[in-house]
Amino acid sequence: MKKKEEGVVKFRAICRNTACKISEEKISELEKWRKKLFNLGLIGKYETSGIAYGNASKRMPPYNDNKGKRKFIITASQTSGIEHLNRKQYSTIISYNSEENSVFYNGLMKPSSEAMTHGSIYDQSSEIRCVFHVHSPLIWKNRKKLGLPQTAEDVAYGTPKMAHEVTRLFRETNVGKLGIFATGGHEDGVFAFGKTIEEAGRILLRYFERAK
């Protein structure tokens, strides 16, 4: 995938309410880890094109919601080049439907272009509470040596096919135990997830160090 395509929202993002109800407290721990990833260049902005990459999300209770309706907060589209985000730069995902290629959200800004993929990951287990998507040439180029599961090379980011690929990985590989996978058709793309924000972040950093 060409870098110039990065960050383009490929699903229908439908806003239900522009009122921002996310408190600073709800994003504080996520922002702490997001800053670590930002400082490592795993989330940021390409200097040549000015296009931002990488995103972060956190599940919101209740955690027993039906698939497709597992509410979570996620960084808004094209905010990754900003070191510290405030609550207005997050969106709340209410529901998502890969078959209809649509995402419903609340907030002042459109959610990240990877919101549907995050939703698909949360659908795999109610215990997953955090997802990080980063760009790491180091991890991505060494993904096979690191034993990372990966999505098919002909599947683009942020699409219904990517959501289906996530389901396939959980069904056919050990990704549920590893907590990390690479995107074969999305250059440098890596997703990490965990039962807590801390766990997701540590998994990602562990593989980052191993890739070195």
N, C-alpha and C. Protein backbone atom coordinates (compact mmCIF):
# COMPACT_ATOMS: atom_id res chain seq x y z
N MET A 1 0.83 -1.20 0.00
CA MET A 1 0.00 0.00 0.00
C MET A 1 0.87 1.25 0.00
N LYS A 2 0.56 2.20 -0.86
CA LYS A 2 1.34 3.42 -0.94
C LYS A 2 1.06 4.31 0.25
N LYS A 3 2.11 4.99 0.71
CA LYS A 3 1.99 5.84 1.89
C LYS A 3 0.97 6.96 1.68
N LYS A 4 0.79 7.41 0.43
CA LYS A 4 -0.13 8.52 0.19
C LYS A 4 -1.58 8.14 0.48
N GLU A 5 -1.88 6.82 0.53
CA GLU A 5 -3.22 6.37 0.83
C GLU A 5 -3.48 6.28 2.33
N GLU A 6 -2.44 6.45 3.10
CA GLU A 6 -2.53 6.29 4.54
C GLU A 6 -3.55 7.21 5.18
N GLY A 7 -4.33 6.66 6.11
CA GLY A 7 -5.24 7.47 6.90
C GLY A 7 -6.56 7.81 6.25
N VAL A 8 -6.80 7.37 5.02
CA VAL A 8 -8.06 7.66 4.36
C VAL A 8 -9.16 6.77 4.94
N VAL A 9 -10.25 7.36 5.39
CA VAL A 9 -11.37 6.60 5.96
C VAL A 9 -12.13 5.94 4.82
N LYS A 10 -12.18 4.61 4.83
CA LYS A 10 -12.78 3.86 3.73
C LYS A 10 -14.19 3.36 4.02
N PHE A 11 -14.66 3.57 5.24
CA PHE A 11 -16.02 3.16 5.59
C PHE A 11 -16.90 4.39 5.73
N ARG A 12 -18.20 4.17 5.83
CA ARG A 12 -19.14 5.28 6.06
C ARG A 12 -19.10 5.62 7.55
N ALA A 13 -18.59 6.78 7.88
CA ALA A 13 -18.53 7.23 9.27
C ALA A 13 -19.74 8.11 9.54
N ILE A 14 -20.66 7.60 10.34
CA ILE A 14 -21.93 8.28 10.58
C ILE A 14 -21.97 8.81 12.01
N CYS A 15 -22.05 10.12 12.15
CA CYS A 15 -22.05 10.74 13.47
C CYS A 15 -23.47 10.80 14.04
N ARG A 16 -23.63 10.31 15.26
CA ARG A 16 -24.92 10.36 15.94
C ARG A 16 -25.05 11.59 16.82
N ASN A 17 -23.93 12.02 17.39
CA ASN A 17 -23.98 13.13 18.34
C ASN A 17 -22.61 13.80 18.39
N THR A 18 -22.55 15.09 18.13
CA THR A 18 -21.27 15.79 18.17
C THR A 18 -20.86 16.19 19.58
N ALA A 19 -21.77 16.03 20.53
CA ALA A 19 -21.44 16.37 21.92
C ALA A 19 -20.37 15.43 22.43
N CYS A 20 -19.31 15.99 22.97
CA CYS A 20 -18.19 15.18 23.47
C CYS A 20 -18.41 14.85 24.94
N LYS A 21 -18.58 13.57 25.22
CA LYS A 21 -18.83 13.14 26.60
C LYS A 21 -17.66 12.35 27.17
N ILE A 22 -16.52 12.38 26.48
CA ILE A 22 -15.34 11.67 26.97
C ILE A 22 -14.60 12.55 27.97
N SER A 23 -14.35 12.04 29.14
CA SER A 23 -13.63 12.81 30.16
C SER A 23 -12.13 12.62 29.98
N GLU A 24 -11.35 13.57 30.47
CA GLU A 24 -9.89 13.46 30.43
C GLU A 24 -9.43 12.24 31.21
N GLU A 25 -10.16 11.89 32.26
CA GLU A 25 -9.81 10.73 33.08
C GLU A 25 -9.86 9.44 32.27
N LYS A 26 -10.84 9.35 31.36
CA LYS A 26 -11.02 8.13 30.57
C LYS A 26 -9.89 7.91 29.57
N ILE A 27 -9.21 8.98 29.18
CA ILE A 27 -8.15 8.84 28.19
C ILE A 27 -6.75 8.95 28.80
N SER A 28 -6.64 9.20 30.09
CA SER A 28 -5.35 9.49 30.70
C SER A 28 -4.34 8.35 30.56
N GLU A 29 -4.74 7.12 30.88
CA GLU A 29 -3.80 5.99 30.78
C GLU A 29 -3.48 5.68 29.33
N LEU A 30 -4.49 5.76 28.47
CA LEU A 30 -4.27 5.51 27.05
C LEU A 30 -3.30 6.55 26.48
N GLU A 31 -3.45 7.80 26.90
CA GLU A 31 -2.56 8.86 26.44
C GLU A 31 -1.13 8.65 26.93
N LYS A 32 -0.99 8.11 28.13
CA LYS A 32 0.35 7.84 28.67
C LYS A 32 1.09 6.86 27.78
N TRP A 33 0.41 5.79 27.37
CA TRP A 33 1.03 4.79 26.50
C TRP A 33 1.16 5.31 25.08
N ARG A 34 0.19 6.06 24.63
CA ARG A 34 0.27 6.61 23.29
C ARG A 34 1.49 7.52 23.15
N LYS A 35 1.79 8.27 24.20
CA LYS A 35 2.96 9.15 24.16
C LYS A 35 4.25 8.34 24.07
N LYS A 36 4.31 7.21 24.77
CA LYS A 36 5.49 6.34 24.68
C LYS A 36 5.69 5.87 23.24
N LEU A 37 4.60 5.46 22.61
CA LEU A 37 4.68 4.98 21.23
C LEU A 37 5.01 6.12 20.27
N PHE A 38 4.49 7.29 20.56
CA PHE A 38 4.79 8.48 19.76
C PHE A 38 6.28 8.79 19.83
N ASN A 39 6.85 8.75 21.01
CA ASN A 39 8.26 9.07 21.20
C ASN A 39 9.19 8.06 20.52
N LEU A 40 8.67 6.83 20.32
CA LEU A 40 9.44 5.80 19.64
C LEU A 40 9.23 5.82 18.13
N GLY A 41 8.37 6.72 17.67
CA GLY A 41 8.09 6.82 16.25
C GLY A 41 7.13 5.77 15.73
N LEU A 42 6.48 5.04 16.64
CA LEU A 42 5.53 4.01 16.25
C LEU A 42 4.16 4.60 15.91
N ILE A 43 3.90 5.76 16.44
CA ILE A 43 2.74 6.57 16.09
C ILE A 43 3.29 7.95 15.72
N GLY A 44 2.78 8.55 14.67
CA GLY A 44 3.33 9.85 14.29
C GLY A 44 2.86 10.32 12.94
N LYS A 45 3.74 11.02 12.23
CA LYS A 45 3.41 11.62 10.94
C LYS A 45 4.62 11.56 10.03
N TYR A 46 4.38 11.19 8.78
CA TYR A 46 5.47 11.16 7.81
C TYR A 46 5.87 12.59 7.43
N GLU A 47 7.15 12.88 7.52
CA GLU A 47 7.63 14.23 7.28
C GLU A 47 7.42 14.66 5.82
N THR A 48 7.61 13.73 4.89
CA THR A 48 7.53 14.09 3.47
C THR A 48 6.10 14.38 3.02
N SER A 49 5.17 13.52 3.46
CA SER A 49 3.78 13.67 3.00
C SER A 49 2.89 14.42 3.99
N GLY A 50 3.30 14.43 5.26
CA GLY A 50 2.50 15.07 6.29
C GLY A 50 1.32 14.22 6.74
N ILE A 51 1.28 12.98 6.27
CA ILE A 51 0.18 12.08 6.61
C ILE A 51 0.47 11.37 7.93
N ALA A 52 -0.55 11.34 8.80
CA ALA A 52 -0.39 10.72 10.11
C ALA A 52 -0.64 9.22 10.05
N TYR A 53 -0.05 8.47 10.98
CA TYR A 53 -0.22 7.02 11.04
C TYR A 53 -0.27 6.54 12.49
N GLY A 54 -1.00 5.47 12.70
CA GLY A 54 -1.10 4.88 14.04
C GLY A 54 -2.32 5.38 14.80
N ASN A 55 -2.86 4.53 15.66
CA ASN A 55 -4.04 4.89 16.44
C ASN A 55 -4.14 4.02 17.68
N ALA A 56 -5.00 4.42 18.60
CA ALA A 56 -5.15 3.71 19.86
C ALA A 56 -6.61 3.73 20.29
N SER A 57 -7.04 2.64 20.95
CA SER A 57 -8.42 2.58 21.40
C SER A 57 -8.54 1.86 22.73
N LYS A 58 -9.68 2.07 23.37
CA LYS A 58 -9.94 1.49 24.69
C LYS A 58 -11.41 1.12 24.79
N ARG A 59 -11.70 -0.12 25.24
CA ARG A 59 -13.08 -0.55 25.41
C ARG A 59 -13.75 0.23 26.54
N MET A 60 -15.06 0.41 26.39
CA MET A 60 -15.85 1.06 27.42
C MET A 60 -16.94 0.10 27.90
N PRO A 61 -17.26 0.14 29.18
CA PRO A 61 -18.32 -0.74 29.70
C PRO A 61 -19.69 -0.33 29.16
N PRO A 62 -20.66 -1.28 29.14
CA PRO A 62 -20.56 -2.66 29.63
C PRO A 62 -19.77 -3.54 28.65
N TYR A 63 -19.07 -4.54 29.20
CA TYR A 63 -18.19 -5.36 28.38
C TYR A 63 -18.87 -6.58 27.78
N ASN A 64 -20.13 -6.79 28.09
CA ASN A 64 -20.84 -7.96 27.57
C ASN A 64 -21.78 -7.61 26.42
N ASP A 65 -21.54 -6.46 25.78
CA ASP A 65 -22.37 -6.06 24.64
C ASP A 65 -22.23 -7.06 23.50
N ASN A 66 -23.22 -7.10 22.64
CA ASN A 66 -23.18 -7.97 21.47
C ASN A 66 -22.10 -7.53 20.50
N LYS A 67 -21.63 -8.46 19.69
CA LYS A 67 -20.64 -8.13 18.68
C LYS A 67 -21.21 -7.07 17.74
N GLY A 68 -20.36 -6.17 17.33
CA GLY A 68 -20.79 -5.07 16.48
C GLY A 68 -21.28 -3.87 17.26
N LYS A 69 -21.44 -4.06 18.58
CA LYS A 69 -21.93 -2.98 19.43
C LYS A 69 -21.07 -2.84 20.69
N ARG A 70 -19.83 -3.24 20.59
CA ARG A 70 -18.91 -3.15 21.73
C ARG A 70 -18.28 -1.76 21.73
N LYS A 71 -18.83 -0.90 22.51
CA LYS A 71 -18.44 0.51 22.51
C LYS A 71 -16.98 0.70 22.92
N PHE A 72 -16.29 1.60 22.20
CA PHE A 72 -14.91 1.93 22.57
C PHE A 72 -14.58 3.35 22.13
N ILE A 73 -13.59 3.92 22.78
CA ILE A 73 -13.10 5.23 22.37
C ILE A 73 -11.84 5.02 21.54
N ILE A 74 -11.65 5.88 20.54
CA ILE A 74 -10.51 5.73 19.63
C ILE A 74 -10.03 7.11 19.20
N THR A 75 -8.75 7.21 18.93
CA THR A 75 -8.19 8.47 18.46
C THR A 75 -8.83 8.85 17.13
N ALA A 76 -9.06 10.12 16.94
CA ALA A 76 -9.72 10.60 15.73
C ALA A 76 -8.78 10.53 14.53
N SER A 77 -9.37 10.57 13.35
CA SER A 77 -8.60 10.49 12.11
C SER A 77 -7.60 11.64 11.98
N GLN A 78 -6.39 11.28 11.55
CA GLN A 78 -5.31 12.23 11.28
C GLN A 78 -4.89 13.07 12.49
N THR A 79 -4.90 12.45 13.66
CA THR A 79 -4.42 13.13 14.87
C THR A 79 -3.09 12.54 15.35
N SER A 80 -2.58 11.54 14.65
CA SER A 80 -1.41 10.81 15.15
C SER A 80 -0.13 11.63 15.18
N GLY A 81 -0.10 12.71 14.41
CA GLY A 81 1.09 13.55 14.41
C GLY A 81 1.15 14.51 15.59
N ILE A 82 0.13 14.48 16.44
CA ILE A 82 0.07 15.35 17.62
C ILE A 82 0.54 14.57 18.83
N GLU A 83 1.48 15.14 19.58
CA GLU A 83 2.08 14.40 20.70
C GLU A 83 1.08 14.09 21.80
N HIS A 84 0.26 15.06 22.16
CA HIS A 84 -0.72 14.85 23.24
C HIS A 84 -2.10 15.25 22.75
N LEU A 85 -3.06 14.34 22.88
CA LEU A 85 -4.42 14.61 22.44
C LEU A 85 -5.31 14.95 23.63
N ASN A 86 -6.31 15.77 23.39
CA ASN A 86 -7.31 16.03 24.42
C ASN A 86 -8.57 15.23 24.11
N ARG A 87 -9.54 15.30 24.98
CA ARG A 87 -10.73 14.46 24.85
C ARG A 87 -11.54 14.76 23.59
N LYS A 88 -11.40 15.98 23.04
CA LYS A 88 -12.13 16.32 21.83
C LYS A 88 -11.51 15.69 20.59
N GLN A 89 -10.32 15.14 20.75
CA GLN A 89 -9.64 14.50 19.63
C GLN A 89 -9.78 12.98 19.67
N TYR A 90 -10.77 12.53 20.45
CA TYR A 90 -11.15 11.12 20.50
C TYR A 90 -12.60 11.01 20.05
N SER A 91 -12.94 9.88 19.47
CA SER A 91 -14.32 9.59 19.09
C SER A 91 -14.80 8.37 19.87
N THR A 92 -16.09 8.31 20.13
CA THR A 92 -16.68 7.14 20.77
C THR A 92 -17.41 6.32 19.72
N ILE A 93 -16.96 5.09 19.51
CA ILE A 93 -17.61 4.21 18.55
C ILE A 93 -18.79 3.53 19.23
N ILE A 94 -19.96 3.69 18.65
CA ILE A 94 -21.19 3.13 19.20
C ILE A 94 -21.46 1.75 18.61
N SER A 95 -21.32 1.64 17.30
CA SER A 95 -21.54 0.36 16.63
C SER A 95 -20.80 0.36 15.29
N TYR A 96 -20.62 -0.83 14.74
CA TYR A 96 -19.88 -0.99 13.49
C TYR A 96 -20.39 -2.25 12.79
N ASN A 97 -20.44 -2.19 11.47
CA ASN A 97 -20.97 -3.30 10.70
C ASN A 97 -20.13 -3.47 9.44
N SER A 98 -19.33 -4.52 9.41
CA SER A 98 -18.45 -4.73 8.26
C SER A 98 -19.23 -5.06 7.00
N GLU A 99 -20.37 -5.73 7.14
CA GLU A 99 -21.16 -6.08 5.96
C GLU A 99 -21.72 -4.83 5.28
N GLU A 100 -22.08 -3.84 6.08
CA GLU A 100 -22.61 -2.58 5.53
C GLU A 100 -21.52 -1.52 5.37
N ASN A 101 -20.30 -1.87 5.81
CA ASN A 101 -19.16 -0.96 5.72
C ASN A 101 -19.45 0.38 6.39
N SER A 102 -19.99 0.31 7.60
CA SER A 102 -20.38 1.54 8.29
C SER A 102 -19.96 1.52 9.76
N VAL A 103 -19.68 2.70 10.27
CA VAL A 103 -19.32 2.88 11.68
C VAL A 103 -20.11 4.07 12.21
N PHE A 104 -20.79 3.87 13.33
CA PHE A 104 -21.54 4.95 13.97
C PHE A 104 -20.73 5.45 15.17
N TYR A 105 -20.65 6.76 15.31
CA TYR A 105 -19.82 7.32 16.37
C TYR A 105 -20.41 8.60 16.94
N ASN A 106 -19.90 8.96 18.12
CA ASN A 106 -20.17 10.26 18.73
C ASN A 106 -18.85 11.01 18.80
N GLY A 107 -18.92 12.32 18.61
CA GLY A 107 -17.71 13.11 18.73
C GLY A 107 -17.64 14.23 17.71
N LEU A 108 -16.67 15.10 17.89
CA LEU A 108 -16.49 16.25 17.02
C LEU A 108 -15.68 15.92 15.78
N MET A 109 -14.92 14.80 15.83
CA MET A 109 -14.06 14.42 14.72
C MET A 109 -14.33 12.99 14.29
N LYS A 110 -14.09 12.72 13.01
CA LYS A 110 -14.25 11.36 12.51
C LYS A 110 -13.25 10.42 13.19
N PRO A 111 -13.67 9.19 13.45
CA PRO A 111 -12.76 8.23 14.09
C PRO A 111 -11.65 7.80 13.14
N SER A 112 -10.63 7.20 13.69
CA SER A 112 -9.52 6.68 12.91
C SER A 112 -10.00 5.78 11.77
N SER A 113 -9.23 5.76 10.71
CA SER A 113 -9.55 4.94 9.55
C SER A 113 -9.48 3.44 9.86
N GLU A 114 -8.91 3.09 11.00
CA GLU A 114 -8.81 1.69 11.40
C GLU A 114 -9.89 1.31 12.43
N ALA A 115 -10.88 2.17 12.63
CA ALA A 115 -11.90 1.92 13.66
C ALA A 115 -12.61 0.58 13.46
N MET A 116 -12.91 0.22 12.23
CA MET A 116 -13.60 -1.04 11.98
C MET A 116 -12.73 -2.24 12.35
N THR A 117 -11.43 -2.13 12.09
CA THR A 117 -10.51 -3.21 12.45
C THR A 117 -10.42 -3.35 13.97
N HIS A 118 -10.38 -2.23 14.68
CA HIS A 118 -10.38 -2.28 16.14
C HIS A 118 -11.64 -2.99 16.63
N GLY A 119 -12.78 -2.62 16.04
CA GLY A 119 -14.04 -3.24 16.43
C GLY A 119 -14.02 -4.74 16.21
N SER A 120 -13.44 -5.17 15.10
CA SER A 120 -13.36 -6.60 14.80
C SER A 120 -12.50 -7.33 15.83
N ILE A 121 -11.44 -6.68 16.29
CA ILE A 121 -10.59 -7.29 17.33
C ILE A 121 -11.37 -7.41 18.63
N TYR A 122 -12.09 -6.37 19.01
CA TYR A 122 -12.89 -6.42 20.24
C TYR A 122 -13.98 -7.48 20.15
N ASP A 123 -14.47 -7.73 18.96
CA ASP A 123 -15.51 -8.75 18.79
C ASP A 123 -15.01 -10.16 19.07
N GLN A 124 -13.71 -10.36 19.02
CA GLN A 124 -13.16 -11.71 19.21
C GLN A 124 -13.19 -12.17 20.66
N SER A 125 -13.18 -11.22 21.60
CA SER A 125 -13.22 -11.59 23.02
C SER A 125 -13.62 -10.38 23.85
N SER A 126 -14.53 -10.61 24.78
CA SER A 126 -14.95 -9.52 25.66
C SER A 126 -13.84 -9.14 26.65
N GLU A 127 -12.78 -9.96 26.72
CA GLU A 127 -11.67 -9.67 27.63
C GLU A 127 -10.67 -8.68 27.04
N ILE A 128 -10.72 -8.48 25.73
CA ILE A 128 -9.81 -7.52 25.09
C ILE A 128 -10.30 -6.11 25.39
N ARG A 129 -9.43 -5.31 26.00
CA ARG A 129 -9.84 -3.97 26.44
C ARG A 129 -9.04 -2.84 25.82
N CYS A 130 -8.00 -3.17 25.05
CA CYS A 130 -7.18 -2.12 24.44
C CYS A 130 -6.57 -2.63 23.14
N VAL A 131 -6.49 -1.74 22.15
CA VAL A 131 -5.85 -2.06 20.87
C VAL A 131 -4.95 -0.90 20.46
N PHE A 132 -3.73 -1.23 20.06
CA PHE A 132 -2.81 -0.25 19.49
C PHE A 132 -2.51 -0.65 18.05
N HIS A 133 -2.57 0.31 17.14
CA HIS A 133 -2.12 0.08 15.77
C HIS A 133 -0.97 1.03 15.51
N VAL A 134 0.18 0.47 15.14
CA VAL A 134 1.37 1.29 14.92
C VAL A 134 1.97 0.96 13.56
N HIS A 135 2.94 1.78 13.18
CA HIS A 135 3.75 1.48 12.02
C HIS A 135 5.18 1.25 12.49
N SER A 136 5.67 0.06 12.24
CA SER A 136 7.03 -0.28 12.64
C SER A 136 7.71 -1.06 11.51
N PRO A 137 8.51 -0.39 10.70
CA PRO A 137 9.25 -1.11 9.66
C PRO A 137 10.09 -2.24 10.25
N LEU A 138 10.61 -2.01 11.46
CA LEU A 138 11.47 -3.00 12.11
C LEU A 138 10.71 -4.29 12.42
N ILE A 139 9.55 -4.16 13.05
CA ILE A 139 8.76 -5.35 13.35
C ILE A 139 8.23 -5.97 12.06
N TRP A 140 7.71 -5.13 11.17
CA TRP A 140 7.05 -5.62 9.96
C TRP A 140 8.00 -6.41 9.06
N LYS A 141 9.20 -5.91 8.89
CA LYS A 141 10.17 -6.60 8.03
C LYS A 141 10.66 -7.90 8.65
N ASN A 142 10.56 -8.01 9.97
CA ASN A 142 10.99 -9.22 10.67
C ASN A 142 9.82 -10.06 11.16
N ARG A 143 8.63 -9.80 10.61
CA ARG A 143 7.42 -10.46 11.11
C ARG A 143 7.47 -11.98 11.03
N LYS A 144 8.06 -12.51 9.98
CA LYS A 144 8.14 -13.96 9.84
C LYS A 144 9.12 -14.56 10.83
N LYS A 145 10.26 -13.91 11.02
CA LYS A 145 11.25 -14.39 11.99
C LYS A 145 10.68 -14.33 13.40
N LEU A 146 9.84 -13.32 13.66
CA LEU A 146 9.24 -13.17 14.98
C LEU A 146 8.04 -14.09 15.18
N GLY A 147 7.64 -14.77 14.11
CA GLY A 147 6.51 -15.69 14.20
C GLY A 147 5.17 -15.01 14.33
N LEU A 148 5.03 -13.82 13.74
CA LEU A 148 3.77 -13.09 13.86
C LEU A 148 2.75 -13.58 12.83
N PRO A 149 1.54 -13.81 13.25
CA PRO A 149 0.47 -14.04 12.28
C PRO A 149 0.30 -12.78 11.44
N GLN A 150 -0.17 -12.93 10.21
CA GLN A 150 -0.39 -11.74 9.41
C GLN A 150 -1.62 -11.89 8.54
N THR A 151 -2.23 -10.74 8.25
CA THR A 151 -3.39 -10.74 7.37
C THR A 151 -2.92 -10.92 5.93
N ALA A 152 -3.83 -11.32 5.05
CA ALA A 152 -3.49 -11.57 3.65
C ALA A 152 -2.94 -10.33 2.97
N GLU A 153 -2.02 -10.54 2.04
CA GLU A 153 -1.35 -9.43 1.38
C GLU A 153 -2.26 -8.64 0.45
N ASP A 154 -3.37 -9.24 0.03
CA ASP A 154 -4.26 -8.54 -0.89
C ASP A 154 -5.41 -7.84 -0.19
N VAL A 155 -5.31 -7.73 1.15
CA VAL A 155 -6.37 -7.08 1.93
C VAL A 155 -5.89 -5.71 2.42
N ALA A 156 -6.62 -4.67 2.06
CA ALA A 156 -6.25 -3.30 2.43
C ALA A 156 -6.74 -2.95 3.82
N TYR A 157 -6.15 -1.93 4.41
CA TYR A 157 -6.52 -1.50 5.75
C TYR A 157 -7.92 -0.89 5.76
N GLY A 158 -8.56 -0.94 6.93
CA GLY A 158 -9.81 -0.22 7.14
C GLY A 158 -10.99 -0.67 6.31
N THR A 159 -10.93 -1.90 5.75
CA THR A 159 -11.99 -2.40 4.89
C THR A 159 -12.73 -3.56 5.55
N PRO A 160 -13.93 -3.90 5.04
CA PRO A 160 -14.63 -5.08 5.55
C PRO A 160 -13.78 -6.35 5.44
N LYS A 161 -12.99 -6.46 4.36
CA LYS A 161 -12.13 -7.63 4.20
C LYS A 161 -11.11 -7.73 5.33
N MET A 162 -10.60 -6.57 5.79
CA MET A 162 -9.65 -6.58 6.90
C MET A 162 -10.34 -7.06 8.17
N ALA A 163 -11.57 -6.63 8.40
CA ALA A 163 -12.33 -7.08 9.57
C ALA A 163 -12.51 -8.59 9.52
N HIS A 164 -12.78 -9.13 8.34
CA HIS A 164 -12.95 -10.57 8.18
C HIS A 164 -11.62 -11.29 8.37
N GLU A 165 -10.54 -10.68 7.95
CA GLU A 165 -9.22 -11.27 8.12
C GLU A 165 -8.86 -11.41 9.60
N VAL A 166 -9.26 -10.43 10.39
CA VAL A 166 -9.02 -10.50 11.83
C VAL A 166 -9.71 -11.73 12.41
N THR A 167 -10.95 -11.94 12.01
CA THR A 167 -11.70 -13.11 12.48
C THR A 167 -11.00 -14.39 12.05
N ARG A 168 -10.50 -14.42 10.83
CA ARG A 168 -9.78 -15.61 10.34
C ARG A 168 -8.53 -15.88 11.17
N LEU A 169 -7.78 -14.82 11.48
CA LEU A 169 -6.56 -15.00 12.27
C LEU A 169 -6.87 -15.61 13.63
N PHE A 170 -7.91 -15.14 14.27
CA PHE A 170 -8.28 -15.67 15.58
C PHE A 170 -8.75 -17.12 15.47
N ARG A 171 -9.30 -17.47 14.34
CA ARG A 171 -9.80 -18.83 14.15
C ARG A 171 -8.68 -19.80 13.76
N GLU A 172 -7.72 -19.35 12.96
CA GLU A 172 -6.75 -20.26 12.37
C GLU A 172 -5.34 -20.16 12.94
N THR A 173 -5.04 -19.12 13.74
CA THR A 173 -3.69 -18.95 14.27
C THR A 173 -3.73 -18.79 15.80
N ASN A 174 -2.55 -18.61 16.37
CA ASN A 174 -2.43 -18.42 17.83
C ASN A 174 -2.40 -16.95 18.21
N VAL A 175 -2.96 -16.09 17.36
CA VAL A 175 -2.92 -14.64 17.61
C VAL A 175 -3.57 -14.28 18.94
N GLY A 176 -4.59 -15.04 19.35
CA GLY A 176 -5.26 -14.74 20.61
C GLY A 176 -4.32 -14.83 21.80
N LYS A 177 -3.34 -15.74 21.72
CA LYS A 177 -2.37 -15.90 22.81
C LYS A 177 -1.22 -14.90 22.68
N LEU A 178 -0.82 -14.61 21.45
CA LEU A 178 0.30 -13.70 21.23
C LEU A 178 -0.07 -12.25 21.51
N GLY A 179 -1.27 -11.85 21.12
CA GLY A 179 -1.70 -10.47 21.32
C GLY A 179 -1.12 -9.49 20.32
N ILE A 180 -0.68 -10.00 19.16
CA ILE A 180 -0.07 -9.12 18.16
C ILE A 180 -0.13 -9.78 16.79
N PHE A 181 -0.31 -8.96 15.75
CA PHE A 181 -0.23 -9.47 14.38
C PHE A 181 0.19 -8.36 13.44
N ALA A 182 0.68 -8.76 12.27
CA ALA A 182 1.10 -7.81 11.24
C ALA A 182 0.07 -7.80 10.12
N THR A 183 0.05 -6.72 9.36
CA THR A 183 -0.87 -6.61 8.23
C THR A 183 -0.08 -6.80 6.94
N GLY A 184 -0.33 -7.93 6.26
CA GLY A 184 0.44 -8.26 5.07
C GLY A 184 0.30 -7.27 3.94
N GLY A 185 -0.89 -6.69 3.77
CA GLY A 185 -1.12 -5.77 2.69
C GLY A 185 -1.08 -4.31 3.09
N HIS A 186 -0.61 -4.05 4.29
CA HIS A 186 -0.56 -2.69 4.83
C HIS A 186 0.84 -2.48 5.37
N GLU A 187 1.72 -1.98 4.52
CA GLU A 187 3.15 -1.90 4.82
C GLU A 187 3.44 -1.25 6.17
N ASP A 188 4.26 -1.94 6.96
CA ASP A 188 4.71 -1.50 8.30
C ASP A 188 3.64 -1.62 9.38
N GLY A 189 2.42 -2.04 9.01
CA GLY A 189 1.32 -2.07 9.97
C GLY A 189 1.40 -3.23 10.96
N VAL A 190 1.21 -2.90 12.22
CA VAL A 190 1.20 -3.89 13.31
C VAL A 190 0.09 -3.54 14.29
N PHE A 191 -0.66 -4.55 14.74
CA PHE A 191 -1.67 -4.38 15.77
C PHE A 191 -1.27 -5.17 17.01
N ALA A 192 -1.47 -4.57 18.17
CA ALA A 192 -1.26 -5.27 19.44
C ALA A 192 -2.48 -5.01 20.32
N PHE A 193 -2.82 -5.99 21.13
CA PHE A 193 -4.02 -5.85 21.97
C PHE A 193 -3.82 -6.63 23.27
N GLY A 194 -4.65 -6.29 24.26
CA GLY A 194 -4.52 -6.97 25.54
C GLY A 194 -5.72 -6.76 26.44
N LYS A 195 -5.69 -7.43 27.58
CA LYS A 195 -6.77 -7.33 28.56
C LYS A 195 -6.73 -5.99 29.28
N THR A 196 -5.58 -5.33 29.23
CA THR A 196 -5.43 -4.00 29.81
C THR A 196 -4.60 -3.15 28.85
N ILE A 197 -4.60 -1.85 29.06
CA ILE A 197 -3.77 -0.96 28.25
C ILE A 197 -2.31 -1.29 28.46
N GLU A 198 -1.95 -1.57 29.71
CA GLU A 198 -0.57 -1.91 30.05
C GLU A 198 -0.12 -3.16 29.31
N GLU A 199 -0.96 -4.18 29.30
CA GLU A 199 -0.61 -5.44 28.64
C GLU A 199 -0.42 -5.23 27.14
N ALA A 200 -1.32 -4.53 26.49
CA ALA A 200 -1.20 -4.28 25.05
C ALA A 200 0.08 -3.52 24.73
N GLY A 201 0.39 -2.51 25.54
CA GLY A 201 1.59 -1.72 25.33
C GLY A 201 2.86 -2.53 25.53
N ARG A 202 2.88 -3.35 26.56
CA ARG A 202 4.08 -4.15 26.85
C ARG A 202 4.32 -5.22 25.79
N ILE A 203 3.24 -5.82 25.28
CA ILE A 203 3.38 -6.79 24.19
C ILE A 203 4.04 -6.13 22.99
N LEU A 204 3.56 -4.96 22.64
CA LEU A 204 4.10 -4.24 21.49
C LEU A 204 5.57 -3.89 21.68
N LEU A 205 5.91 -3.37 22.85
CA LEU A 205 7.30 -2.99 23.10
C LEU A 205 8.23 -4.20 23.18
N ARG A 206 7.71 -5.31 23.67
CA ARG A 206 8.51 -6.54 23.74
C ARG A 206 8.91 -6.99 22.33
N TYR A 207 7.99 -6.96 21.40
CA TYR A 207 8.32 -7.36 20.03
C TYR A 207 9.17 -6.32 19.32
N PHE A 208 8.99 -5.07 19.68
CA PHE A 208 9.82 -4.00 19.13
C PHE A 208 11.28 -4.23 19.52
N GLU A 209 11.51 -4.59 20.78
CA GLU A 209 12.87 -4.87 21.25
C GLU A 209 13.43 -6.14 20.61
N ARG A 210 12.60 -7.15 20.48
CA ARG A 210 13.03 -8.41 19.88
C ARG A 210 13.41 -8.20 18.42
N ALA A 211 12.68 -7.31 17.74
CA ALA A 211 12.96 -7.06 16.32
C ALA A 211 14.32 -6.39 16.13
N LYS A 212 14.79 -5.70 17.14
CA LYS A 212 16.11 -5.04 17.05
C LYS A 212 17.24 -6.06 17.01
